[in-house]
């Protein structure tokens, strides 16, 4: 880790949490949701973000497809 308030290091985290807020949290009404349901939705969102989302920087492939094309076992 770097020193306190180092913006280049914080940019990736802030980008992820901003995207998480917009795509998961603000898109739903969470008043009638239990903690277990919220945790399941959060887990599904993070798994999608890490494994299935399409990234142009990876040649329009998901991170899993990119790793497989490199021969890295997933």
N, C-alpha and C. Protein backbone atom coordinates (compact mmCIF):
# COMPACT_ATOMS: atom_id res chain seq x y z
N UNK A 1 0.83 -1.19 0.00
CA UNK A 1 0.00 0.00 0.00
C UNK A 1 0.86 1.23 0.00
N UNK A 2 0.28 2.27 -0.46
CA UNK A 2 1.03 3.52 -0.54
C UNK A 2 0.64 4.44 0.60
N UNK A 3 1.14 5.65 0.51
CA UNK A 3 0.88 6.61 1.57
C UNK A 3 -0.58 7.10 1.56
N UNK A 4 -0.96 7.72 2.64
CA UNK A 4 -2.33 8.20 2.83
C UNK A 4 -2.71 9.22 1.74
N UNK A 5 -3.92 9.09 1.23
CA UNK A 5 -4.50 10.02 0.25
C UNK A 5 -3.75 10.04 -1.08
N UNK A 6 -3.24 8.89 -1.49
CA UNK A 6 -2.56 8.77 -2.78
C UNK A 6 -3.61 8.45 -3.83
N UNK A 7 -3.99 9.43 -4.60
CA UNK A 7 -5.13 9.28 -5.51
C UNK A 7 -4.96 8.22 -6.59
N UNK A 8 -3.78 7.98 -7.16
CA UNK A 8 -3.70 6.92 -8.17
C UNK A 8 -4.09 5.55 -7.61
N UNK A 9 -3.75 5.28 -6.37
CA UNK A 9 -4.10 4.00 -5.77
C UNK A 9 -5.59 3.93 -5.44
N UNK A 10 -6.18 5.06 -5.10
CA UNK A 10 -7.59 5.07 -4.73
C UNK A 10 -8.51 5.05 -5.94
N UNK A 11 -8.02 5.39 -7.10
CA UNK A 11 -8.87 5.52 -8.29
C UNK A 11 -9.57 4.22 -8.65
N UNK A 12 -8.88 3.11 -8.60
CA UNK A 12 -9.50 1.82 -8.95
C UNK A 12 -10.60 1.46 -7.97
N UNK A 13 -10.36 1.65 -6.69
CA UNK A 13 -11.39 1.34 -5.69
C UNK A 13 -12.58 2.28 -5.82
N UNK A 14 -12.32 3.55 -6.01
CA UNK A 14 -13.43 4.49 -6.14
C UNK A 14 -14.23 4.22 -7.40
N UNK A 15 -13.57 3.83 -8.48
CA UNK A 15 -14.28 3.48 -9.70
C UNK A 15 -15.17 2.27 -9.50
N UNK A 16 -14.65 1.24 -8.83
CA UNK A 16 -15.44 0.05 -8.57
C UNK A 16 -16.64 0.36 -7.70
N UNK A 17 -16.43 1.05 -6.59
CA UNK A 17 -17.54 1.32 -5.67
C UNK A 17 -18.56 2.28 -6.28
N UNK A 18 -18.12 3.20 -7.12
CA UNK A 18 -19.06 4.06 -7.83
C UNK A 18 -19.93 3.26 -8.78
N UNK A 19 -19.31 2.35 -9.51
CA UNK A 19 -20.06 1.47 -10.43
C UNK A 19 -21.00 0.56 -9.65
N UNK A 20 -20.55 0.04 -8.53
CA UNK A 20 -21.38 -0.81 -7.68
C UNK A 20 -22.61 -0.04 -7.19
N UNK A 21 -22.41 1.18 -6.74
CA UNK A 21 -23.54 1.99 -6.29
C UNK A 21 -24.53 2.22 -7.41
N UNK A 22 -24.06 2.59 -8.58
CA UNK A 22 -24.96 2.91 -9.69
C UNK A 22 -25.69 1.68 -10.22
N UNK A 23 -25.00 0.58 -10.37
CA UNK A 23 -25.59 -0.59 -11.01
C UNK A 23 -26.34 -1.51 -10.05
N UNK A 24 -25.97 -1.53 -8.80
CA UNK A 24 -26.63 -2.43 -7.86
C UNK A 24 -27.48 -1.67 -6.85
N UNK A 25 -26.87 -0.78 -6.13
CA UNK A 25 -27.55 -0.19 -4.98
C UNK A 25 -28.65 0.78 -5.36
N UNK A 26 -28.36 1.75 -6.21
CA UNK A 26 -29.35 2.77 -6.56
C UNK A 26 -30.43 2.26 -7.50
N UNK A 27 -30.21 1.15 -8.15
CA UNK A 27 -31.16 0.63 -9.13
C UNK A 27 -32.33 -0.11 -8.50
N UNK A 28 -32.29 -0.35 -7.20
CA UNK A 28 -33.34 -1.14 -6.55
C UNK A 28 -33.84 -0.44 -5.30
N UNK A 29 -35.01 -0.87 -4.86
CA UNK A 29 -35.57 -0.45 -3.59
C UNK A 29 -35.23 -1.55 -2.58
N UNK A 30 -34.43 -1.25 -1.60
CA UNK A 30 -33.91 -2.25 -0.68
C UNK A 30 -34.69 -2.34 0.64
N UNK A 31 -35.82 -1.64 0.76
CA UNK A 31 -36.55 -1.60 2.03
C UNK A 31 -37.05 -2.96 2.50
N UNK A 32 -37.52 -3.79 1.60
CA UNK A 32 -38.07 -5.09 1.97
C UNK A 32 -37.07 -6.23 1.78
N UNK A 33 -35.81 -5.91 1.69
CA UNK A 33 -34.78 -6.91 1.43
C UNK A 33 -34.10 -7.32 2.73
N UNK A 34 -33.93 -8.62 2.92
CA UNK A 34 -33.22 -9.11 4.11
C UNK A 34 -31.71 -8.99 3.88
N UNK A 35 -30.98 -9.12 4.95
CA UNK A 35 -29.52 -9.07 4.86
C UNK A 35 -29.01 -10.20 3.97
N UNK A 36 -29.58 -11.39 4.10
CA UNK A 36 -29.15 -12.53 3.29
C UNK A 36 -29.40 -12.28 1.80
N UNK A 37 -30.54 -11.70 1.47
CA UNK A 37 -30.84 -11.38 0.07
C UNK A 37 -29.88 -10.31 -0.46
N UNK A 38 -29.58 -9.31 0.37
CA UNK A 38 -28.63 -8.28 -0.03
C UNK A 38 -27.25 -8.87 -0.26
N UNK A 39 -26.82 -9.74 0.65
CA UNK A 39 -25.50 -10.36 0.51
C UNK A 39 -25.42 -11.21 -0.75
N UNK A 40 -26.51 -11.93 -1.08
CA UNK A 40 -26.54 -12.75 -2.30
C UNK A 40 -26.48 -11.86 -3.54
N UNK A 41 -27.21 -10.74 -3.53
CA UNK A 41 -27.18 -9.81 -4.67
C UNK A 41 -25.80 -9.18 -4.82
N UNK A 42 -25.18 -8.81 -3.71
CA UNK A 42 -23.84 -8.22 -3.73
C UNK A 42 -22.82 -9.23 -4.24
N UNK A 43 -22.91 -10.47 -3.78
CA UNK A 43 -22.00 -11.52 -4.24
C UNK A 43 -22.16 -11.76 -5.74
N UNK A 44 -23.40 -11.81 -6.22
CA UNK A 44 -23.64 -12.02 -7.65
C UNK A 44 -23.08 -10.86 -8.47
N UNK A 45 -23.23 -9.64 -7.97
CA UNK A 45 -22.73 -8.46 -8.68
C UNK A 45 -21.20 -8.47 -8.75
N UNK A 46 -20.56 -8.80 -7.65
CA UNK A 46 -19.09 -8.83 -7.63
C UNK A 46 -18.57 -9.96 -8.50
N UNK A 47 -19.22 -11.11 -8.48
CA UNK A 47 -18.80 -12.22 -9.36
C UNK A 47 -18.95 -11.83 -10.83
N UNK A 48 -20.06 -11.17 -11.18
CA UNK A 48 -20.25 -10.71 -12.55
C UNK A 48 -19.15 -9.73 -12.93
N UNK A 49 -18.85 -8.79 -12.05
CA UNK A 49 -17.82 -7.78 -12.31
C UNK A 49 -16.45 -8.42 -12.54
N UNK A 50 -16.12 -9.41 -11.74
CA UNK A 50 -14.80 -10.04 -11.83
C UNK A 50 -14.68 -11.11 -12.91
N UNK A 51 -15.81 -11.73 -13.29
CA UNK A 51 -15.72 -12.89 -14.17
C UNK A 51 -16.41 -12.74 -15.52
N UNK A 52 -17.52 -12.02 -15.61
CA UNK A 52 -18.34 -12.09 -16.82
C UNK A 52 -18.46 -10.79 -17.62
N UNK A 53 -18.14 -9.65 -17.03
CA UNK A 53 -18.36 -8.40 -17.77
C UNK A 53 -17.41 -8.31 -18.96
N UNK A 54 -17.91 -7.73 -20.02
CA UNK A 54 -17.13 -7.58 -21.25
C UNK A 54 -16.30 -6.31 -21.15
N UNK A 55 -15.01 -6.42 -21.43
CA UNK A 55 -14.11 -5.27 -21.39
C UNK A 55 -13.50 -5.07 -22.77
N UNK A 56 -13.59 -3.85 -23.27
CA UNK A 56 -12.99 -3.54 -24.57
C UNK A 56 -11.47 -3.64 -24.52
N UNK A 57 -10.89 -3.32 -23.37
CA UNK A 57 -9.43 -3.37 -23.26
C UNK A 57 -8.90 -4.81 -23.30
N UNK A 58 -9.78 -5.79 -23.12
CA UNK A 58 -9.38 -7.20 -23.22
C UNK A 58 -9.82 -7.81 -24.54
N UNK A 59 -10.07 -6.96 -25.53
CA UNK A 59 -10.47 -7.46 -26.84
C UNK A 59 -11.92 -7.90 -26.89
N UNK A 60 -12.79 -7.17 -26.19
CA UNK A 60 -14.23 -7.48 -26.12
C UNK A 60 -14.49 -8.88 -25.56
N UNK A 61 -13.68 -9.26 -24.58
CA UNK A 61 -13.84 -10.53 -23.89
C UNK A 61 -14.03 -10.28 -22.40
N UNK A 62 -14.55 -11.28 -21.73
CA UNK A 62 -14.65 -11.20 -20.27
C UNK A 62 -13.26 -11.50 -19.69
N UNK A 63 -13.02 -11.14 -18.43
CA UNK A 63 -11.73 -11.47 -17.82
C UNK A 63 -11.43 -12.97 -17.83
N UNK A 64 -12.46 -13.80 -17.64
CA UNK A 64 -12.25 -15.25 -17.65
C UNK A 64 -11.83 -15.72 -19.05
N UNK A 65 -12.52 -15.22 -20.09
CA UNK A 65 -12.16 -15.59 -21.46
C UNK A 65 -10.75 -15.12 -21.80
N UNK A 66 -10.38 -13.95 -21.32
CA UNK A 66 -9.03 -13.42 -21.57
C UNK A 66 -7.97 -14.31 -20.92
N UNK A 67 -8.21 -14.69 -19.67
CA UNK A 67 -7.25 -15.57 -19.00
C UNK A 67 -7.14 -16.92 -19.68
N UNK A 68 -8.28 -17.45 -20.14
CA UNK A 68 -8.25 -18.73 -20.86
C UNK A 68 -7.48 -18.62 -22.16
N UNK A 69 -7.61 -17.48 -22.86
CA UNK A 69 -6.87 -17.30 -24.11
C UNK A 69 -5.36 -17.20 -23.87
N UNK A 70 -4.98 -16.79 -22.67
CA UNK A 70 -3.56 -16.73 -22.31
C UNK A 70 -3.03 -18.06 -21.78
N UNK A 71 -3.93 -19.03 -21.59
CA UNK A 71 -3.53 -20.33 -21.06
C UNK A 71 -3.46 -20.37 -19.56
N UNK A 72 -4.05 -19.40 -18.92
CA UNK A 72 -4.06 -19.37 -17.44
C UNK A 72 -5.32 -20.07 -16.98
N UNK A 73 -5.18 -21.10 -16.18
CA UNK A 73 -6.35 -21.86 -15.70
C UNK A 73 -7.18 -21.01 -14.76
N UNK A 74 -8.47 -21.14 -14.93
CA UNK A 74 -9.39 -20.37 -14.07
C UNK A 74 -10.16 -21.32 -13.20
